[in-house]
Amino acid sequence: MGRLDRWTPPCEGFRFGEWEAVHRAVAHFMDDYAAEAAAHGWTAIDLFGVHGLAGAARVDSCGALMLPLLKNVTALTAETITFGPLTYRRRAMPESVLVWDLIGETL
C-alpha cells in the first residue's frame, strides 16, 4: 500500500472517485484479512492484479481488491473473497501485472 496514493489512481480504468473507495477497502483488507489470505495461498496478483495494458478497465484481469466494488471484505476462503452480497472467485489471470507496476505509466 505504501506506493499506492489514496488520491491518485495508479492506472487507467477507475472512474472518478472509485480509486479512493478501493484504496480504503484495501486498507481494511490489509488490517483484517491479509494474514488469512496469505495462509490460504492468495498471491499478490490474485489480489492486486490489473491488465498489463488496459489497467482496471479489463475486469477479467483484475485481482479481487482492484475491482471497484465499494464494499469491505466480509468473508474469505481459499477460493473466494466475499464483499457483502458479491463473491470474487480466484482464477488464472495470465495478462495481469501488479497494479503498482503501472504507476506513472500512460496507458
PDB file of N, CA and C in Angstrom:
ATOM      1  N   MET A   1       0.827  -1.192   0.000  1.00  0.00           N
ATOM      2  CA  MET A   1       0.000   0.000   0.000  1.00  0.00           C
ATOM      3  C   MET A   1       0.867   1.250   0.000  1.00  0.00           C
ATOM      4  N   GLY A   2       2.107   1.127   0.415  1.00  0.00           N
ATOM      5  CA  GLY A   2       2.957   2.296   0.527  1.00  0.00           C
ATOM      6  C   GLY A   2       3.112   3.067  -0.767  1.00  0.00           C
ATOM      7  N   ARG A   3       3.141   2.383  -1.899  1.00  0.00           N
ATOM      8  CA  ARG A   3       3.326   3.069  -3.185  1.00  0.00           C
ATOM      9  C   ARG A   3       2.009   3.490  -3.811  1.00  0.00           C
ATOM     10  N   LEU A   4       0.888   3.122  -3.211  1.00  0.00           N
ATOM     11  CA  LEU A   4      -0.415   3.453  -3.774  1.00  0.00           C
ATOM     12  C   LEU A   4      -0.975   4.687  -3.077  1.00  0.00           C
ATOM     13  N   ASP A   5      -0.987   5.799  -3.803  1.00  0.00           N
ATOM     14  CA  ASP A   5      -1.511   7.057  -3.273  1.00  0.00           C
ATOM     15  C   ASP A   5      -3.030   6.996  -3.212  1.00  0.00           C
ATOM     16  N   ARG A   6      -3.574   7.378  -2.086  1.00  0.00           N
ATOM     17  CA  ARG A   6      -5.035   7.334  -1.884  1.00  0.00           C
ATOM     18  C   ARG A   6      -5.790   8.211  -2.880  1.00  0.00           C
ATOM     19  N   TRP A   7      -5.182   9.277  -3.329  1.00  0.00           N
ATOM     20  CA  TRP A   7      -5.895  10.263  -4.141  1.00  0.00           C
ATOM     21  C   TRP A   7      -5.664  10.112  -5.639  1.00  0.00           C
ATOM     22  N   THR A   8      -4.640   9.365  -6.036  1.00  0.00           N
ATOM     23  CA  THR A   8      -4.298   9.260  -7.452  1.00  0.00           C
ATOM     24  C   THR A   8      -4.423   7.822  -7.921  1.00  0.00           C
ATOM     25  N   PRO A   9      -5.357   7.529  -8.825  1.00  0.00           N
ATOM     26  CA  PRO A   9      -5.475   6.161  -9.339  1.00  0.00           C
ATOM     27  C   PRO A   9      -4.150   5.709  -9.955  1.00  0.00           C
ATOM     28  N   PRO A  10      -3.740   4.479  -9.683  1.00  0.00           N
ATOM     29  CA  PRO A  10      -2.445   4.002 -10.169  1.00  0.00           C
ATOM     30  C   PRO A  10      -2.442   3.611 -11.644  1.00  0.00           C
ATOM     31  N   CYS A  11      -3.633   3.470 -12.237  1.00  0.00           N
ATOM     32  CA  CYS A  11      -3.707   3.055 -13.628  1.00  0.00           C
ATOM     33  C   CYS A  11      -5.062   3.457 -14.204  1.00  0.00           C
ATOM     34  N   GLU A  12      -5.208   3.266 -15.493  1.00  0.00           N
ATOM     35  CA  GLU A  12      -6.470   3.531 -16.170  1.00  0.00           C
ATOM     36  C   GLU A  12      -7.547   2.559 -15.684  1.00  0.00           C
ATOM     37  N   GLY A  13      -8.795   2.961 -15.863  1.00  0.00           N
ATOM     38  CA  GLY A  13      -9.905   2.049 -15.600  1.00  0.00           C
ATOM     39  C   GLY A  13     -10.729   2.359 -14.372  1.00  0.00           C
ATOM     40  N   PHE A  14     -10.283   3.287 -13.549  1.00  0.00           N
ATOM     41  CA  PHE A  14     -11.074   3.693 -12.392  1.00  0.00           C
ATOM     42  C   PHE A  14     -11.819   4.975 -12.733  1.00  0.00           C
ATOM     43  N   ARG A  15     -13.126   4.984 -12.476  1.00  0.00           N
ATOM     44  CA  ARG A  15     -13.916   6.199 -12.699  1.00  0.00           C
ATOM     45  C   ARG A  15     -13.651   7.187 -11.572  1.00  0.00           C
ATOM     46  N   PHE A  16     -14.060   8.433 -11.786  1.00  0.00           N
ATOM     47  CA  PHE A  16     -13.862   9.479 -10.791  1.00  0.00           C
ATOM     48  C   PHE A  16     -14.409   9.030  -9.432  1.00  0.00           C
ATOM     49  N   GLY A  17     -13.581   9.103  -8.409  1.00  0.00           N
ATOM     50  CA  GLY A  17     -13.994   8.762  -7.058  1.00  0.00           C
ATOM     51  C   GLY A  17     -13.875   7.299  -6.681  1.00  0.00           C
ATOM     52  N   GLU A  18     -13.733   6.396  -7.660  1.00  0.00           N
ATOM     53  CA  GLU A  18     -13.660   4.962  -7.346  1.00  0.00           C
ATOM     54  C   GLU A  18     -12.371   4.583  -6.635  1.00  0.00           C
ATOM     55  N   TRP A  19     -11.255   5.135  -7.079  1.00  0.00           N
ATOM     56  CA  TRP A  19      -9.983   4.717  -6.525  1.00  0.00           C
ATOM     57  C   TRP A  19      -9.902   4.972  -5.022  1.00  0.00           C
ATOM     58  N   GLU A  20     -10.391   6.088  -4.543  1.00  0.00           N
ATOM     59  CA  GLU A  20     -10.335   6.366  -3.112  1.00  0.00           C
ATOM     60  C   GLU A  20     -11.081   5.286  -2.316  1.00  0.00           C
ATOM     61  N   ALA A  21     -12.237   4.861  -2.811  1.00  0.00           N
ATOM     62  CA  ALA A  21     -13.004   3.805  -2.142  1.00  0.00           C
ATOM     63  C   ALA A  21     -12.271   2.467  -2.213  1.00  0.00           C
ATOM     64  N   VAL A  22     -11.660   2.161  -3.357  1.00  0.00           N
ATOM     65  CA  VAL A  22     -10.889   0.924  -3.490  1.00  0.00           C
ATOM     66  C   VAL A  22      -9.712   0.962  -2.510  1.00  0.00           C
ATOM     67  N   HIS A  23      -9.015   2.064  -2.456  1.00  0.00           N
ATOM     68  CA  HIS A  23      -7.869   2.216  -1.553  1.00  0.00           C
ATOM     69  C   HIS A  23      -8.304   1.985  -0.103  1.00  0.00           C
ATOM     70  N   ARG A  24      -9.431   2.546   0.281  1.00  0.00           N
ATOM     71  CA  ARG A  24      -9.960   2.383   1.636  1.00  0.00           C
ATOM     72  C   ARG A  24     -10.279   0.904   1.921  1.00  0.00           C
ATOM     73  N   ALA A  25     -10.900   0.223   0.943  1.00  0.00           N
ATOM     74  CA  ALA A  25     -11.231  -1.194   1.107  1.00  0.00           C
ATOM     75  C   ALA A  25      -9.958  -2.045   1.202  1.00  0.00           C
ATOM     76  N   VAL A  26      -8.916  -1.675   0.442  1.00  0.00           N
ATOM     77  CA  VAL A  26      -7.639  -2.387   0.515  1.00  0.00           C
ATOM     78  C   VAL A  26      -7.033  -2.230   1.912  1.00  0.00           C
ATOM     79  N   ALA A  27      -7.087  -1.022   2.461  1.00  0.00           N
ATOM     80  CA  ALA A  27      -6.560  -0.792   3.806  1.00  0.00           C
ATOM     81  C   ALA A  27      -7.304  -1.653   4.829  1.00  0.00           C
ATOM     82  N   HIS A  28      -8.609  -1.734   4.710  1.00  0.00           N
ATOM     83  CA  HIS A  28      -9.414  -2.581   5.597  1.00  0.00           C
ATOM     84  C   HIS A  28      -8.991  -4.043   5.439  1.00  0.00           C
ATOM     85  N   PHE A  29      -8.836  -4.493   4.204  1.00  0.00           N
ATOM     86  CA  PHE A  29      -8.424  -5.870   3.939  1.00  0.00           C
ATOM     87  C   PHE A  29      -7.067  -6.157   4.574  1.00  0.00           C
ATOM     88  N   MET A  30      -6.114  -5.264   4.385  1.00  0.00           N
ATOM     89  CA  MET A  30      -4.775  -5.477   4.920  1.00  0.00           C
ATOM     90  C   MET A  30      -4.807  -5.574   6.442  1.00  0.00           C
ATOM     91  N   ASP A  31      -5.629  -4.781   7.090  1.00  0.00           N
ATOM     92  CA  ASP A  31      -5.733  -4.818   8.546  1.00  0.00           C
ATOM     93  C   ASP A  31      -6.415  -6.090   9.043  1.00  0.00           C
ATOM     94  N   ASP A  32      -7.464  -6.534   8.351  1.00  0.00           N
ATOM     95  CA  ASP A  32      -8.323  -7.595   8.878  1.00  0.00           C
ATOM     96  C   ASP A  32      -8.173  -8.970   8.213  1.00  0.00           C
ATOM     97  N   TYR A  33      -7.662  -9.034   6.989  1.00  0.00           N
ATOM     98  CA  TYR A  33      -7.676 -10.305   6.258  1.00  0.00           C
ATOM     99  C   TYR A  33      -6.354 -10.709   5.609  1.00  0.00           C
ATOM    100  N   ALA A  34      -5.346  -9.859   5.623  1.00  0.00           N
ATOM    101  CA  ALA A  34      -4.115 -10.162   4.890  1.00  0.00           C
ATOM    102  C   ALA A  34      -3.462 -11.463   5.353  1.00  0.00           C
ATOM    103  N   ALA A  35      -3.352 -11.675   6.640  1.00  0.00           N
ATOM    104  CA  ALA A  35      -2.711 -12.896   7.142  1.00  0.00           C
ATOM    105  C   ALA A  35      -3.511 -14.136   6.754  1.00  0.00           C
ATOM    106  N   GLU A  36      -4.824 -14.040   6.856  1.00  0.00           N
ATOM    107  CA  GLU A  36      -5.679 -15.168   6.483  1.00  0.00           C
ATOM    108  C   GLU A  36      -5.569 -15.462   4.987  1.00  0.00           C
ATOM    109  N   ALA A  37      -5.543 -14.407   4.161  1.00  0.00           N
ATOM    110  CA  ALA A  37      -5.409 -14.595   2.713  1.00  0.00           C
ATOM    111  C   ALA A  37      -4.089 -15.276   2.387  1.00  0.00           C
ATOM    112  N   ALA A  38      -3.015 -14.844   3.017  1.00  0.00           N
ATOM    113  CA  ALA A  38      -1.706 -15.466   2.786  1.00  0.00           C
ATOM    114  C   ALA A  38      -1.733 -16.937   3.198  1.00  0.00           C
ATOM    115  N   ALA A  39      -2.370 -17.236   4.303  1.00  0.00           N
ATOM    116  CA  ALA A  39      -2.464 -18.627   4.770  1.00  0.00           C
ATOM    117  C   ALA A  39      -3.253 -19.495   3.782  1.00  0.00           C
ATOM    118  N   HIS A  40      -4.194 -18.886   3.069  1.00  0.00           N
ATOM    119  CA  HIS A  40      -4.990 -19.612   2.070  1.00  0.00           C
ATOM    120  C   HIS A  40      -4.320 -19.627   0.697  1.00  0.00           C
ATOM    121  N   GLY A  41      -3.151 -19.011   0.571  1.00  0.00           N
ATOM    122  CA  GLY A  41      -2.415 -19.057  -0.680  1.00  0.00           C
ATOM    123  C   GLY A  41      -2.746 -17.971  -1.696  1.00  0.00           C
ATOM    124  N   TRP A  42      -3.483 -16.943  -1.295  1.00  0.00           N
ATOM    125  CA  TRP A  42      -3.767 -15.835  -2.211  1.00  0.00           C
ATOM    126  C   TRP A  42      -2.461 -15.106  -2.497  1.00  0.00           C
ATOM    127  N   THR A  43      -2.189 -14.853  -3.777  1.00  0.00           N
ATOM    128  CA  THR A  43      -0.953 -14.175  -4.183  1.00  0.00           C
ATOM    129  C   THR A  43      -1.214 -12.690  -4.405  1.00  0.00           C
ATOM    130  N   ALA A  44      -0.144 -11.937  -4.583  1.00  0.00           N
ATOM    131  CA  ALA A  44      -0.275 -10.508  -4.873  1.00  0.00           C
ATOM    132  C   ALA A  44      -1.064 -10.290  -6.164  1.00  0.00           C
ATOM    133  N   ILE A  45      -0.818 -11.105  -7.188  1.00  0.00           N
ATOM    134  CA  ILE A  45      -1.583 -10.978  -8.447  1.00  0.00           C
ATOM    135  C   ILE A  45      -3.048 -11.283  -8.206  1.00  0.00           C
ATOM    136  N   ASP A  46      -3.353 -12.302  -7.416  1.00  0.00           N
ATOM    137  CA  ASP A  46      -4.746 -12.634  -7.102  1.00  0.00           C
ATOM    138  C   ASP A  46      -5.479 -11.444  -6.493  1.00  0.00           C
ATOM    139  N   LEU A  47      -4.768 -10.647  -5.729  1.00  0.00           N
ATOM    140  CA  LEU A  47      -5.385  -9.534  -5.011  1.00  0.00           C
ATOM    141  C   LEU A  47      -5.210  -8.198  -5.716  1.00  0.00           C
ATOM    142  N   PHE A  48      -4.020  -7.935  -6.236  1.00  0.00           N
ATOM    143  CA  PHE A  48      -3.671  -6.607  -6.756  1.00  0.00           C
ATOM    144  C   PHE A  48      -3.373  -6.587  -8.249  1.00  0.00           C
ATOM    145  N   GLY A  49      -3.769  -7.629  -8.967  1.00  0.00           N
ATOM    146  CA  GLY A  49      -3.513  -7.677 -10.398  1.00  0.00           C
ATOM    147  C   GLY A  49      -4.447  -6.770 -11.189  1.00  0.00           C
ATOM    148  N   VAL A  50      -3.920  -6.214 -12.259  1.00  0.00           N
ATOM    149  CA  VAL A  50      -4.702  -5.478 -13.260  1.00  0.00           C
ATOM    150  C   VAL A  50      -4.127  -5.841 -14.626  1.00  0.00           C
ATOM    151  N   HIS A  51      -4.888  -5.600 -15.662  1.00  0.00           N
ATOM    152  CA  HIS A  51      -4.421  -5.908 -17.009  1.00  0.00           C
ATOM    153  C   HIS A  51      -3.188  -5.068 -17.334  1.00  0.00           C
ATOM    154  N   GLY A  52      -2.192  -5.694 -17.933  1.00  0.00           N
ATOM    155  CA  GLY A  52      -0.939  -5.009 -18.232  1.00  0.00           C
ATOM    156  C   GLY A  52      -1.052  -3.838 -19.184  1.00  0.00           C
ATOM    157  N   LEU A  53      -2.063  -3.815 -20.045  1.00  0.00           N
ATOM    158  CA  LEU A  53      -2.248  -2.706 -20.985  1.00  0.00           C
ATOM    159  C   LEU A  53      -3.465  -1.849 -20.657  1.00  0.00           C
ATOM    160  N   ALA A  54      -4.549  -2.458 -20.229  1.00  0.00           N
ATOM    161  CA  ALA A  54      -5.812  -1.731 -20.012  1.00  0.00           C
ATOM    162  C   ALA A  54      -6.070  -1.390 -18.558  1.00  0.00           C
ATOM    163  N   GLY A  55      -5.194  -1.792 -17.669  1.00  0.00           N
ATOM    164  CA  GLY A  55      -5.389  -1.483 -16.256  1.00  0.00           C
ATOM    165  C   GLY A  55      -6.664  -2.109 -15.716  1.00  0.00           C
ATOM    166  N   ALA A  56      -7.366  -1.367 -14.886  1.00  0.00           N
ATOM    167  CA  ALA A  56      -8.593  -1.862 -14.243  1.00  0.00           C
ATOM    168  C   ALA A  56      -9.785  -1.887 -15.186  1.00  0.00           C
ATOM    169  N   ALA A  57      -9.620  -1.351 -16.385  1.00  0.00           N
ATOM    170  CA  ALA A  57     -10.721  -1.364 -17.356  1.00  0.00           C
ATOM    171  C   ALA A  57     -11.044  -2.788 -17.815  1.00  0.00           C
ATOM    172  N   ARG A  58     -10.092  -3.690 -17.742  1.00  0.00           N
ATOM    173  CA  ARG A  58     -10.314  -5.103 -18.089  1.00  0.00           C
ATOM    174  C   ARG A  58     -10.584  -5.863 -16.806  1.00  0.00           C
ATOM    175  N   VAL A  59     -11.844  -5.897 -16.388  1.00  0.00           N
ATOM    176  CA  VAL A  59     -12.183  -6.522 -15.114  1.00  0.00           C
ATOM    177  C   VAL A  59     -11.875  -8.013 -15.087  1.00  0.00           C
ATOM    178  N   ASP A  60     -11.797  -8.649 -16.249  1.00  0.00           N
ATOM    179  CA  ASP A  60     -11.460 -10.068 -16.281  1.00  0.00           C
ATOM    180  C   ASP A  60     -10.007 -10.319 -15.881  1.00  0.00           C
ATOM    181  N   SER A  61      -9.199  -9.265 -15.813  1.00  0.00           N
ATOM    182  CA  SER A  61      -7.803  -9.386 -15.409  1.00  0.00           C
ATOM    183  C   SER A  61      -7.526  -8.691 -14.079  1.00  0.00           C
ATOM    184  N   CYS A  62      -8.581  -8.305 -13.370  1.00  0.00           N
ATOM    185  CA  CYS A  62      -8.414  -7.616 -12.093  1.00  0.00           C
ATOM    186  C   CYS A  62      -8.406  -8.597 -10.935  1.00  0.00           C
ATOM    187  N   GLY A  63      -7.482  -8.370 -10.019  1.00  0.00           N
ATOM    188  CA  GLY A  63      -7.477  -9.118  -8.776  1.00  0.00           C
ATOM    189  C   GLY A  63      -8.646  -8.698  -7.908  1.00  0.00           C
ATOM    190  N   ALA A  64      -8.886  -9.467  -6.881  1.00  0.00           N
ATOM    191  CA  ALA A  64     -10.056  -9.260  -6.031  1.00  0.00           C
ATOM    192  C   ALA A  64     -10.144  -7.858  -5.452  1.00  0.00           C
ATOM    193  N   LEU A  65      -9.023  -7.259  -5.108  1.00  0.00           N
ATOM    194  CA  LEU A  65      -9.057  -5.952  -4.464  1.00  0.00           C
ATOM    195  C   LEU A  65      -9.005  -4.792  -5.446  1.00  0.00           C
ATOM    196  N   MET A  66      -8.872  -5.050  -6.724  1.00  0.00           N
ATOM    197  CA  MET A  66      -8.789  -3.985  -7.707  1.00  0.00           C
ATOM    198  C   MET A  66     -10.116  -3.709  -8.407  1.00  0.00           C
ATOM    199  N   LEU A  67     -11.150  -4.397  -8.031  1.00  0.00           N
ATOM    200  CA  LEU A  67     -12.476  -4.141  -8.588  1.00  0.00           C
ATOM    201  C   LEU A  67     -13.165  -3.073  -7.754  1.00  0.00           C
ATOM    202  N   PRO A  68     -13.806  -2.119  -8.391  1.00  0.00           N
ATOM    203  CA  PRO A  68     -14.463  -1.040  -7.639  1.00  0.00           C
ATOM    204  C   PRO A  68     -15.796  -1.493  -7.043  1.00  0.00           C
ATOM    205  N   LEU A  69     -15.738  -2.453  -6.132  1.00  0.00           N
ATOM    206  CA  LEU A  69     -16.957  -2.990  -5.527  1.00  0.00           C
ATOM    207  C   LEU A  69     -17.486  -2.088  -4.429  1.00  0.00           C
ATOM    208  N   LEU A  70     -16.643  -1.194  -3.935  1.00  0.00           N
ATOM    209  CA  LEU A  70     -17.024  -0.204  -2.937  1.00  0.00           C
ATOM    210  C   LEU A  70     -17.579  -0.832  -1.662  1.00  0.00           C
ATOM    211  N   LYS A  71     -17.171  -2.047  -1.380  1.00  0.00           N
ATOM    212  CA  LYS A  71     -17.580  -2.760  -0.162  1.00  0.00           C
ATOM    213  C   LYS A  71     -16.333  -3.340   0.493  1.00  0.00           C
ATOM    214  N   ASN A  72     -16.373  -3.485   1.802  1.00  0.00           N
ATOM    215  CA  ASN A  72     -15.296  -4.159   2.505  1.00  0.00           C
ATOM    216  C   ASN A  72     -15.484  -5.662   2.412  1.00  0.00           C
ATOM    217  N   VAL A  73     -14.400  -6.390   2.570  1.00  0.00           N
ATOM    218  CA  VAL A  73     -14.447  -7.843   2.597  1.00  0.00           C
ATOM    219  C   VAL A  73     -15.223  -8.287   3.831  1.00  0.00           C
ATOM    220  N   THR A  74     -16.078  -9.278   3.635  1.00  0.00           N
ATOM    221  CA  THR A  74     -16.853  -9.814   4.753  1.00  0.00           C
ATOM    222  C   THR A  74     -16.528 -11.280   5.030  1.00  0.00           C
ATOM    223  N   ALA A  75     -15.894 -11.972   4.079  1.00  0.00           N
ATOM    224  CA  ALA A  75     -15.517 -13.370   4.278  1.00  0.00           C
ATOM    225  C   ALA A  75     -14.436 -13.741   3.276  1.00  0.00           C
ATOM    226  N   LEU A  76     -13.642 -14.754   3.642  1.00  0.00           N
ATOM    227  CA  LEU A  76     -12.543 -15.189   2.786  1.00  0.00           C
ATOM    228  C   LEU A  76     -12.368 -16.693   2.945  1.00  0.00           C
ATOM    229  N   THR A  77     -12.176 -17.388   1.808  1.00  0.00           N
ATOM    230  CA  THR A  77     -11.840 -18.812   1.815  1.00  0.00           C
ATOM    231  C   THR A  77     -10.625 -18.997   0.907  1.00  0.00           C
ATOM    232  N   ALA A  78     -10.229 -20.215   0.688  1.00  0.00           N
ATOM    233  CA  ALA A  78      -9.100 -20.497  -0.195  1.00  0.00           C
ATOM    234  C   ALA A  78      -9.398 -20.148  -1.647  1.00  0.00           C
ATOM    235  N   GLU A  79     -10.648 -20.106  -2.032  1.00  0.00           N
ATOM    236  CA  GLU A  79     -11.011 -19.855  -3.431  1.00  0.00           C
ATOM    237  C   GLU A  79     -11.876 -18.618  -3.652  1.00  0.00           C
ATOM    238  N   THR A  80     -12.435 -18.034  -2.587  1.00  0.00           N
ATOM    239  CA  THR A  80     -13.342 -16.903  -2.765  1.00  0.00           C
ATOM    240  C   THR A  80     -13.071 -15.795  -1.745  1.00  0.00           C
ATOM    241  N   ILE A  81     -13.422 -14.577  -2.161  1.00  0.00           N
ATOM    242  CA  ILE A  81     -13.464 -13.435  -1.248  1.00  0.00           C
ATOM    243  C   ILE A  81     -14.839 -12.809  -1.439  1.00  0.00           C
ATOM    244  N   THR A  82     -15.531 -12.601  -0.330  1.00  0.00           N
ATOM    245  CA  THR A  82     -16.881 -12.061  -0.376  1.00  0.00           C
ATOM    246  C   THR A  82     -16.872 -10.605   0.049  1.00  0.00           C
ATOM    247  N   PHE A  83     -17.569  -9.799  -0.731  1.00  0.00           N
ATOM    248  CA  PHE A  83     -17.739  -8.372  -0.483  1.00  0.00           C
ATOM    249  C   PHE A  83     -19.239  -8.144  -0.331  1.00  0.00           C
ATOM    250  N   GLY A  84     -19.744  -8.180   0.885  1.00  0.00           N
ATOM    251  CA  GLY A  84     -21.195  -8.052   1.064  1.00  0.00           C
ATOM    252  C   GLY A  84     -21.899  -9.156   0.285  1.00  0.00           C
ATOM    253  N   PRO A  85     -22.809  -8.792  -0.641  1.00  0.00           N
ATOM    254  CA  PRO A  85     -23.539  -9.817  -1.388  1.00  0.00           C
ATOM    255  C   PRO A  85     -22.788 -10.367  -2.611  1.00  0.00           C
ATOM    256  N   LEU A  86     -21.594  -9.835  -2.915  1.00  0.00           N
ATOM    257  CA  LEU A  86     -20.844 -10.253  -4.107  1.00  0.00           C
ATOM    258  C   LEU A  86     -19.670 -11.150  -3.729  1.00  0.00           C
ATOM    259  N   THR A  87     -19.397 -12.138  -4.572  1.00  0.00           N
ATOM    260  CA  THR A  87     -18.293 -13.058  -4.325  1.00  0.00           C
ATOM    261  C   THR A  87     -17.340 -13.065  -5.511  1.00  0.00           C
ATOM    262  N   TYR A  88     -16.061 -12.908  -5.226  1.00  0.00           N
ATOM    263  CA  TYR A  88     -14.986 -12.979  -6.218  1.00  0.00           C
ATOM    264  C   TYR A  88     -14.384 -14.373  -6.124  1.00  0.00           C
ATOM    265  N   ARG A  89     -14.243 -15.047  -7.266  1.00  0.00           N
ATOM    266  CA  ARG A  89     -13.649 -16.381  -7.302  1.00  0.00           C
ATOM    267  C   ARG A  89     -12.247 -16.304  -7.906  1.00  0.00           C
ATOM    268  N   ARG A  90     -11.298 -16.893  -7.227  1.00  0.00           N
ATOM    269  CA  ARG A  90      -9.915 -16.879  -7.704  1.00  0.00           C
ATOM    270  C   ARG A  90      -9.822 -17.620  -9.031  1.00  0.00           C
ATOM    271  N   ARG A  91      -9.012 -17.080  -9.954  1.00  0.00           N
ATOM    272  CA  ARG A  91      -8.847 -17.689 -11.271  1.00  0.00           C
ATOM    273  C   ARG A  91      -7.498 -17.268 -11.838  1.00  0.00           C
ATOM    274  N   ALA A  92      -7.056 -17.948 -12.870  1.00  0.00           N
ATOM    275  CA  ALA A  92      -5.810 -17.581 -13.536  1.00  0.00           C
ATOM    276  C   ALA A  92      -6.009 -16.269 -14.297  1.00  0.00           C
ATOM    277  N   MET A  93      -5.021 -15.394 -14.227  1.00  0.00           N
ATOM    278  CA  MET A  93      -5.066 -14.108 -14.931  1.00  0.00           C
ATOM    279  C   MET A  93      -3.717 -13.868 -15.607  1.00  0.00           C
ATOM    280  N   PRO A  94      -3.452 -14.559 -16.708  1.00  0.00           N
ATOM    281  CA  PRO A  94      -2.113 -14.510 -17.317  1.00  0.00           C
ATOM    282  C   PRO A  94      -1.709 -13.140 -17.868  1.00  0.00           C
ATOM    283  N   GLU A  95      -2.660 -12.255 -18.125  1.00  0.00           N
ATOM    284  CA  GLU A  95      -2.319 -10.938 -18.675  1.00  0.00           C
ATOM    285  C   GLU A  95      -2.173  -9.875 -17.590  1.00  0.00           C
ATOM    286  N   SER A  96      -2.251 -10.280 -16.337  1.00  0.00           N
ATOM    287  CA  SER A  96      -2.216  -9.327 -15.231  1.00  0.00           C
ATOM    288  C   SER A  96      -0.800  -9.012 -14.777  1.00  0.00           C
ATOM    289  N   VAL A  97      -0.652  -7.782 -14.303  1.00  0.00           N
ATOM    290  CA  VAL A  97       0.568  -7.324 -13.645  1.00  0.00           C
ATOM    291  C   VAL A  97       0.144  -6.703 -12.320  1.00  0.00           C
ATOM    292  N   LEU A  98       1.085  -6.469 -11.440  1.00  0.00           N
ATOM    293  CA  LEU A  98       0.757  -5.826 -10.176  1.00  0.00           C
ATOM    294  C   LEU A  98       0.438  -4.360 -10.409  1.00  0.00           C
ATOM    295  N   VAL A  99      -0.605  -3.885  -9.789  1.00  0.00           N
ATOM    296  CA  VAL A  99      -1.086  -2.527 -10.039  1.00  0.00           C
ATOM    297  C   VAL A  99       0.007  -1.493  -9.812  1.00  0.00           C
ATOM    298  N   TRP A 100       0.859  -1.682  -8.825  1.00  0.00           N
ATOM    299  CA  TRP A 100       1.891  -0.689  -8.557  1.00  0.00           C
ATOM    300  C   TRP A 100       2.973  -0.666  -9.617  1.00  0.00           C
ATOM    301  N   ASP A 101       3.041  -1.695 -10.461  1.00  0.00           N
ATOM    302  CA  ASP A 101       3.997  -1.674 -11.569  1.00  0.00           C
ATOM    303  C   ASP A 101       3.551  -0.739 -12.694  1.00  0.00           C
ATOM    304  N   LEU A 102       2.310  -0.293 -12.665  1.00  0.00           N
ATOM    305  CA  LEU A 102       1.805   0.622 -13.692  1.00  0.00           C
ATOM    306  C   LEU A 102       1.828   2.088 -13.244  1.00  0.00           C
ATOM    307  N   ILE A 103       2.174   2.350 -12.007  1.00  0.00           N
ATOM    308  CA  ILE A 103       2.190   3.727 -11.519  1.00  0.00           C
ATOM    309  C   ILE A 103       3.116   4.566 -12.365  1.00  0.00           C
ATOM    310  N   GLY A 104       2.590   5.670 -12.848  1.00  0.00           N
ATOM    311  CA  GLY A 104       3.382   6.606 -13.644  1.00  0.00           C
ATOM    312  C   GLY A 104       3.419   6.297 -15.124  1.00  0.00           C
ATOM    313  N   GLU A 105       2.856   5.154 -15.541  1.00  0.00           N
ATOM    314  CA  GLU A 105       2.820   4.837 -16.971  1.00  0.00           C
ATOM    315  C   GLU A 105       1.554   5.410 -17.590  1.00  0.00           C
ATOM    316  N   THR A 106       1.664   5.885 -18.794  1.00  0.00           N
ATOM    317  CA  THR A 106       0.495   6.326 -19.542  1.00  0.00           C
ATOM    318  C   THR A 106      -0.001   5.149 -20.341  1.00  0.00           C
ATOM    319  N   LEU A 107      -1.240   4.776 -20.118  1.00  0.00           N
ATOM    320  CA  LEU A 107      -1.808   3.618 -20.822  1.00  0.00           C
ATOM    321  C   LEU A 107      -2.505   4.045 -22.080  1.00  0.00           C
TER     322      LEU A 107
END
